[in-house]
Amino acid sequence: MDIVRIIIAVILPPLGVFLQVGVGKHFWLNILLTLLGYVPGIVHAVYIIARR
């Protein structure tokens, strides 16, 4: 299931984080990072998914 989440995180990073942790501080941080730059959002999302 983590592979599917990582693929989703590459396409739409906040959705990957939402599927992993729900709506919380990591979700909002990822939205901010994605708005500031797409790549930081992807890196954060993959980190959150791989960490758990």
C-alpha atoms as a PDB file:
ATOM      1  CA  MET A   1       0.000   0.000   0.000  1.00  0.00           C
ATOM      2  CA  ASP A   2       2.942   2.346   0.576  1.00  0.00           C
ATOM      3  CA  ILE A   3       3.882   2.104  -3.101  1.00  0.00           C
ATOM      4  CA  VAL A   4       0.445   3.394  -4.096  1.00  0.00           C
ATOM      5  CA  ARG A   5       0.724   6.247  -1.582  1.00  0.00           C
ATOM      6  CA  ILE A   6       4.160   7.205  -2.913  1.00  0.00           C
ATOM      7  CA  ILE A   7       2.855   7.269  -6.480  1.00  0.00           C
ATOM      8  CA  ILE A   8      -0.066   9.445  -5.356  1.00  0.00           C
ATOM      9  CA  ALA A   9       2.397  11.674  -3.456  1.00  0.00           C
ATOM     10  CA  VAL A  10       4.419  12.270  -6.618  1.00  0.00           C
ATOM     11  CA  ILE A  11       1.278  13.248  -8.533  1.00  0.00           C
ATOM     12  CA  LEU A  12      -0.424  15.238  -5.757  1.00  0.00           C
ATOM     13  CA  PRO A  13       1.688  15.528  -2.587  1.00  0.00           C
ATOM     14  CA  PRO A  14      -0.996  16.745  -0.129  1.00  0.00           C
ATOM     15  CA  LEU A  15      -3.242  13.815  -1.022  1.00  0.00           C
ATOM     16  CA  GLY A  16      -0.472  11.339  -0.240  1.00  0.00           C
ATOM     17  CA  VAL A  17       0.090  12.960   3.159  1.00  0.00           C
ATOM     18  CA  PHE A  18      -3.654  13.055   3.826  1.00  0.00           C
ATOM     19  CA  LEU A  19      -3.966   9.338   3.132  1.00  0.00           C
ATOM     20  CA  GLN A  20      -1.108   8.638   5.545  1.00  0.00           C
ATOM     21  CA  VAL A  21      -1.793  10.955   8.496  1.00  0.00           C
ATOM     22  CA  GLY A  22      -5.121  12.675   7.853  1.00  0.00           C
ATOM     23  CA  VAL A  23      -5.723  16.383   8.405  1.00  0.00           C
ATOM     24  CA  GLY A  24      -3.080  17.617  10.811  1.00  0.00           C
ATOM     25  CA  LYS A  25       0.087  19.664  10.997  1.00  0.00           C
ATOM     26  CA  HIS A  26       1.915  17.551   8.402  1.00  0.00           C
ATOM     27  CA  PHE A  27      -0.952  17.936   5.931  1.00  0.00           C
ATOM     28  CA  TRP A  28      -0.996  21.738   6.233  1.00  0.00           C
ATOM     29  CA  LEU A  29       2.797  21.917   6.099  1.00  0.00           C
ATOM     30  CA  ASN A  30       2.738  19.873   2.922  1.00  0.00           C
ATOM     31  CA  ILE A  31       0.169  22.167   1.325  1.00  0.00           C
ATOM     32  CA  LEU A  32       2.406  25.132   2.154  1.00  0.00           C
ATOM     33  CA  LEU A  33       5.502  23.406   0.776  1.00  0.00           C
ATOM     34  CA  THR A  34       3.643  22.387  -2.376  1.00  0.00           C
ATOM     35  CA  LEU A  35       2.502  25.964  -2.946  1.00  0.00           C
ATOM     36  CA  LEU A  36       6.044  27.272  -2.421  1.00  0.00           C
ATOM     37  CA  GLY A  37       7.500  24.688  -4.779  1.00  0.00           C
ATOM     38  CA  TYR A  38       6.271  21.395  -6.125  1.00  0.00           C
ATOM     39  CA  VAL A  39       9.482  19.467  -5.395  1.00  0.00           C
ATOM     40  CA  PRO A  40       9.655  20.325  -1.652  1.00  0.00           C
ATOM     41  CA  GLY A  41       6.070  19.097  -1.341  1.00  0.00           C
ATOM     42  CA  ILE A  42       6.988  15.797  -2.989  1.00  0.00           C
ATOM     43  CA  VAL A  43      10.059  15.329  -0.796  1.00  0.00           C
ATOM     44  CA  HIS A  44       8.059  16.005   2.365  1.00  0.00           C
ATOM     45  CA  ALA A  45       5.234  13.685   1.301  1.00  0.00           C
ATOM     46  CA  VAL A  46       7.569  10.807   0.473  1.00  0.00           C
ATOM     47  CA  TYR A  47       9.397  11.355   3.772  1.00  0.00           C
ATOM     48  CA  ILE A  48       6.135  11.219   5.749  1.00  0.00           C
ATOM     49  CA  ILE A  49       5.006   8.061   3.939  1.00  0.00           C
ATOM     50  CA  ALA A  50       8.366   6.281   4.234  1.00  0.00           C
ATOM     51  CA  ARG A  51       8.805   7.230   7.901  1.00  0.00           C
ATOM     52  CA  ARG A  52       5.748   5.295   9.098  1.00  0.00           C
END
